[in-house]
Structures are given as structure tokens and as C-alpha cells.
Amino acid sequence: MARAARKLGITERMIGYKIKKYGIRKEAYRGEMVGFDSSRW
């Protein structure tokens, strides 16, 4: 989560809050992100 937070420019605490708020399961998103266009970043 720390790496994701750094890439998004937010804190780990903020990303943890969003994961909890929106009911995102971290385990479901390990590895390749489906539909993610890395050229945009």
C-alpha cells in the first residue's frame, strides 16, 4: 500500500481509509491490473 500511496501522492492512512470506505479487497488486485493503461502515468 505504501508504494501505491506514493504513486498517488497521498498518505498510506488515506489509501487505507478509501479501501475500507469503498469495501475494496486488496487481495483481489494483486499482480497485473486489468484495464489499467500505464501509458497515462
PDB file of N, CA and C in Angstrom:
ATOM      1  N   MET A   1       0.806  -1.184   0.000  1.00  0.00           N
ATOM      2  CA  MET A   1       0.000   0.000   0.000  1.00  0.00           C
ATOM      3  C   MET A   1       0.854   1.255   0.000  1.00  0.00           C
ATOM      4  N   ALA A   2       2.019   1.188   0.604  1.00  0.00           N
ATOM      5  CA  ALA A   2       2.874   2.364   0.664  1.00  0.00           C
ATOM      6  C   ALA A   2       3.290   2.822  -0.729  1.00  0.00           C
ATOM      7  N   ARG A   3       3.620   1.883  -1.581  1.00  0.00           N
ATOM      8  CA  ARG A   3       4.037   2.227  -2.943  1.00  0.00           C
ATOM      9  C   ARG A   3       2.886   2.871  -3.714  1.00  0.00           C
ATOM     10  N   ALA A   4       1.699   2.310  -3.562  1.00  0.00           N
ATOM     11  CA  ALA A   4       0.521   2.861  -4.235  1.00  0.00           C
ATOM     12  C   ALA A   4       0.241   4.274  -3.737  1.00  0.00           C
ATOM     13  N   ALA A   5       0.351   4.476  -2.441  1.00  0.00           N
ATOM     14  CA  ALA A   5       0.110   5.797  -1.867  1.00  0.00           C
ATOM     15  C   ALA A   5       1.108   6.816  -2.411  1.00  0.00           C
ATOM     16  N   ARG A   6       2.377   6.417  -2.475  1.00  0.00           N
ATOM     17  CA  ARG A   6       3.393   7.336  -3.010  1.00  0.00           C
ATOM     18  C   ARG A   6       3.098   7.688  -4.461  1.00  0.00           C
ATOM     19  N   LYS A   7       2.719   6.700  -5.255  1.00  0.00           N
ATOM     20  CA  LYS A   7       2.418   6.954  -6.668  1.00  0.00           C
ATOM     21  C   LYS A   7       1.227   7.877  -6.831  1.00  0.00           C
ATOM     22  N   LEU A   8       0.267   7.773  -5.908  1.00  0.00           N
ATOM     23  CA  LEU A   8      -0.924   8.614  -5.973  1.00  0.00           C
ATOM     24  C   LEU A   8      -0.743   9.962  -5.289  1.00  0.00           C
ATOM     25  N   GLY A   9       0.353  10.099  -4.553  1.00  0.00           N
ATOM     26  CA  GLY A   9       0.619  11.361  -3.866  1.00  0.00           C
ATOM     27  C   GLY A   9      -0.252  11.564  -2.637  1.00  0.00           C
ATOM     28  N   ILE A  10      -0.650  10.448  -1.990  1.00  0.00           N
ATOM     29  CA  ILE A  10      -1.443  10.525  -0.768  1.00  0.00           C
ATOM     30  C   ILE A  10      -0.773   9.679   0.300  1.00  0.00           C
ATOM     31  N   THR A  11      -1.283   9.774   1.525  1.00  0.00           N
ATOM     32  CA  THR A  11      -0.682   9.008   2.615  1.00  0.00           C
ATOM     33  C   THR A  11      -1.229   7.583   2.644  1.00  0.00           C
ATOM     34  N   GLU A  12      -0.506   6.707   3.317  1.00  0.00           N
ATOM     35  CA  GLU A  12      -0.964   5.329   3.500  1.00  0.00           C
ATOM     36  C   GLU A  12      -2.274   5.303   4.264  1.00  0.00           C
ATOM     37  N   ARG A  13      -2.397   6.194   5.223  1.00  0.00           N
ATOM     38  CA  ARG A  13      -3.623   6.264   6.014  1.00  0.00           C
ATOM     39  C   ARG A  13      -4.811   6.607   5.121  1.00  0.00           C
ATOM     40  N   MET A  14      -4.618   7.548   4.194  1.00  0.00           N
ATOM     41  CA  MET A  14      -5.696   7.933   3.286  1.00  0.00           C
ATOM     42  C   MET A  14      -6.098   6.772   2.381  1.00  0.00           C
ATOM     43  N   ILE A  15      -5.117   6.049   1.872  1.00  0.00           N
ATOM     44  CA  ILE A  15      -5.435   4.934   0.984  1.00  0.00           C
ATOM     45  C   ILE A  15      -6.125   3.819   1.770  1.00  0.00           C
ATOM     46  N   GLY A  16      -5.713   3.602   3.012  1.00  0.00           N
ATOM     47  CA  GLY A  16      -6.373   2.613   3.859  1.00  0.00           C
ATOM     48  C   GLY A  16      -7.822   2.987   4.126  1.00  0.00           C
ATOM     49  N   TYR A  17      -8.069   4.266   4.342  1.00  0.00           N
ATOM     50  CA  TYR A  17      -9.421   4.750   4.572  1.00  0.00           C
ATOM     51  C   TYR A  17     -10.297   4.518   3.346  1.00  0.00           C
ATOM     52  N   LYS A  18      -9.760   4.814   2.166  1.00  0.00           N
ATOM     53  CA  LYS A  18     -10.527   4.629   0.929  1.00  0.00           C
ATOM     54  C   LYS A  18     -10.828   3.153   0.691  1.00  0.00           C
ATOM     55  N   ILE A  19      -9.858   2.284   0.973  1.00  0.00           N
ATOM     56  CA  ILE A  19     -10.051   0.850   0.804  1.00  0.00           C
ATOM     57  C   ILE A  19     -11.184   0.378   1.710  1.00  0.00           C
ATOM     58  N   LYS A  20     -11.181   0.849   2.958  1.00  0.00           N
ATOM     59  CA  LYS A  20     -12.235   0.468   3.894  1.00  0.00           C
ATOM     60  C   LYS A  20     -13.573   1.077   3.489  1.00  0.00           C
ATOM     61  N   LYS A  21     -13.564   2.354   3.124  1.00  0.00           N
ATOM     62  CA  LYS A  21     -14.800   3.068   2.778  1.00  0.00           C
ATOM     63  C   LYS A  21     -15.514   2.423   1.594  1.00  0.00           C
ATOM     64  N   TYR A  22     -14.761   2.062   0.565  1.00  0.00           N
ATOM     65  CA  TYR A  22     -15.363   1.520  -0.640  1.00  0.00           C
ATOM     66  C   TYR A  22     -15.400  -0.006  -0.675  1.00  0.00           C
ATOM     67  N   GLY A  23     -14.956  -0.641   0.416  1.00  0.00           N
ATOM     68  CA  GLY A  23     -15.027  -2.099   0.514  1.00  0.00           C
ATOM     69  C   GLY A  23     -14.142  -2.819  -0.486  1.00  0.00           C
ATOM     70  N   ILE A  24     -13.002  -2.226  -0.796  1.00  0.00           N
ATOM     71  CA  ILE A  24     -12.075  -2.822  -1.761  1.00  0.00           C
ATOM     72  C   ILE A  24     -11.287  -3.919  -1.067  1.00  0.00           C
ATOM     73  N   ARG A  25     -11.209  -5.080  -1.723  1.00  0.00           N
ATOM     74  CA  ARG A  25     -10.410  -6.175  -1.192  1.00  0.00           C
ATOM     75  C   ARG A  25      -9.039  -6.132  -1.851  1.00  0.00           C
ATOM     76  N   LYS A  26      -8.008  -5.863  -1.071  1.00  0.00           N
ATOM     77  CA  LYS A  26      -6.639  -5.778  -1.596  1.00  0.00           C
ATOM     78  C   LYS A  26      -6.224  -7.053  -2.310  1.00  0.00           C
ATOM     79  N   GLU A  27      -6.639  -8.184  -1.772  1.00  0.00           N
ATOM     80  CA  GLU A  27      -6.223  -9.476  -2.315  1.00  0.00           C
ATOM     81  C   GLU A  27      -6.666  -9.656  -3.763  1.00  0.00           C
ATOM     82  N   ALA A  28      -7.762  -9.026  -4.132  1.00  0.00           N
ATOM     83  CA  ALA A  28      -8.303  -9.169  -5.481  1.00  0.00           C
ATOM     84  C   ALA A  28      -7.480  -8.408  -6.514  1.00  0.00           C
ATOM     85  N   TYR A  29      -6.593  -7.529  -6.067  1.00  0.00           N
ATOM     86  CA  TYR A  29      -5.872  -6.665  -7.002  1.00  0.00           C
ATOM     87  C   TYR A  29      -4.367  -6.881  -7.001  1.00  0.00           C
ATOM     88  N   ARG A  30      -3.944  -8.050  -6.644  1.00  0.00           N
ATOM     89  CA  ARG A  30      -2.504  -8.347  -6.685  1.00  0.00           C
ATOM     90  C   ARG A  30      -2.088  -8.647  -8.111  1.00  0.00           C
ATOM     91  N   GLY A  31      -0.894  -8.243  -8.481  1.00  0.00           N
ATOM     92  CA  GLY A  31      -0.388  -8.542  -9.822  1.00  0.00           C
ATOM     93  C   GLY A  31      -0.884  -7.553 -10.862  1.00  0.00           C
ATOM     94  N   GLU A  32      -1.101  -8.041 -12.049  1.00  0.00           N
ATOM     95  CA  GLU A  32      -1.494  -7.222 -13.195  1.00  0.00           C
ATOM     96  C   GLU A  32      -2.865  -6.593 -12.977  1.00  0.00           C
ATOM     97  N   MET A  33      -2.960  -5.311 -13.252  1.00  0.00           N
ATOM     98  CA  MET A  33      -4.237  -4.625 -13.132  1.00  0.00           C
ATOM     99  C   MET A  33      -4.965  -4.698 -14.472  1.00  0.00           C
ATOM    100  N   VAL A  34      -6.122  -5.256 -14.480  1.00  0.00           N
ATOM    101  CA  VAL A  34      -6.911  -5.404 -15.691  1.00  0.00           C
ATOM    102  C   VAL A  34      -7.479  -4.048 -16.086  1.00  0.00           C
ATOM    103  N   GLY A  35      -7.286  -3.687 -17.346  1.00  0.00           N
ATOM    104  CA  GLY A  35      -7.839  -2.435 -17.836  1.00  0.00           C
ATOM    105  C   GLY A  35      -7.043  -1.203 -17.442  1.00  0.00           C
ATOM    106  N   PHE A  36      -5.861  -1.385 -16.890  1.00  0.00           N
ATOM    107  CA  PHE A  36      -5.046  -0.252 -16.480  1.00  0.00           C
ATOM    108  C   PHE A  36      -4.139   0.160 -17.624  1.00  0.00           C
ATOM    109  N   ASP A  37      -4.227   1.410 -18.013  1.00  0.00           N
ATOM    110  CA  ASP A  37      -3.418   1.933 -19.104  1.00  0.00           C
ATOM    111  C   ASP A  37      -2.223   2.684 -18.509  1.00  0.00           C
ATOM    112  N   SER A  38      -1.076   1.992 -18.397  1.00  0.00           N
ATOM    113  CA  SER A  38       0.086   2.593 -17.759  1.00  0.00           C
ATOM    114  C   SER A  38       0.673   3.737 -18.569  1.00  0.00           C
ATOM    115  N   SER A  39       0.321   3.866 -19.830  1.00  0.00           N
ATOM    116  CA  SER A  39       0.855   4.965 -20.634  1.00  0.00           C
ATOM    117  C   SER A  39       0.316   6.320 -20.171  1.00  0.00           C
ATOM    118  N   ARG A  40      -0.802   6.299 -19.458  1.00  0.00           N
ATOM    119  CA  ARG A  40      -1.373   7.542 -18.943  1.00  0.00           C
ATOM    120  C   ARG A  40      -0.567   8.103 -17.804  1.00  0.00           C
ATOM    121  N   TRP A  41       0.259   7.288 -17.157  1.00  0.00           N
ATOM    122  CA  TRP A  41       1.006   7.726 -15.996  1.00  0.00           C
ATOM    123  C   TRP A  41       2.430   7.894 -16.413  1.00  0.00           C
TER     124      TRP A  41
END
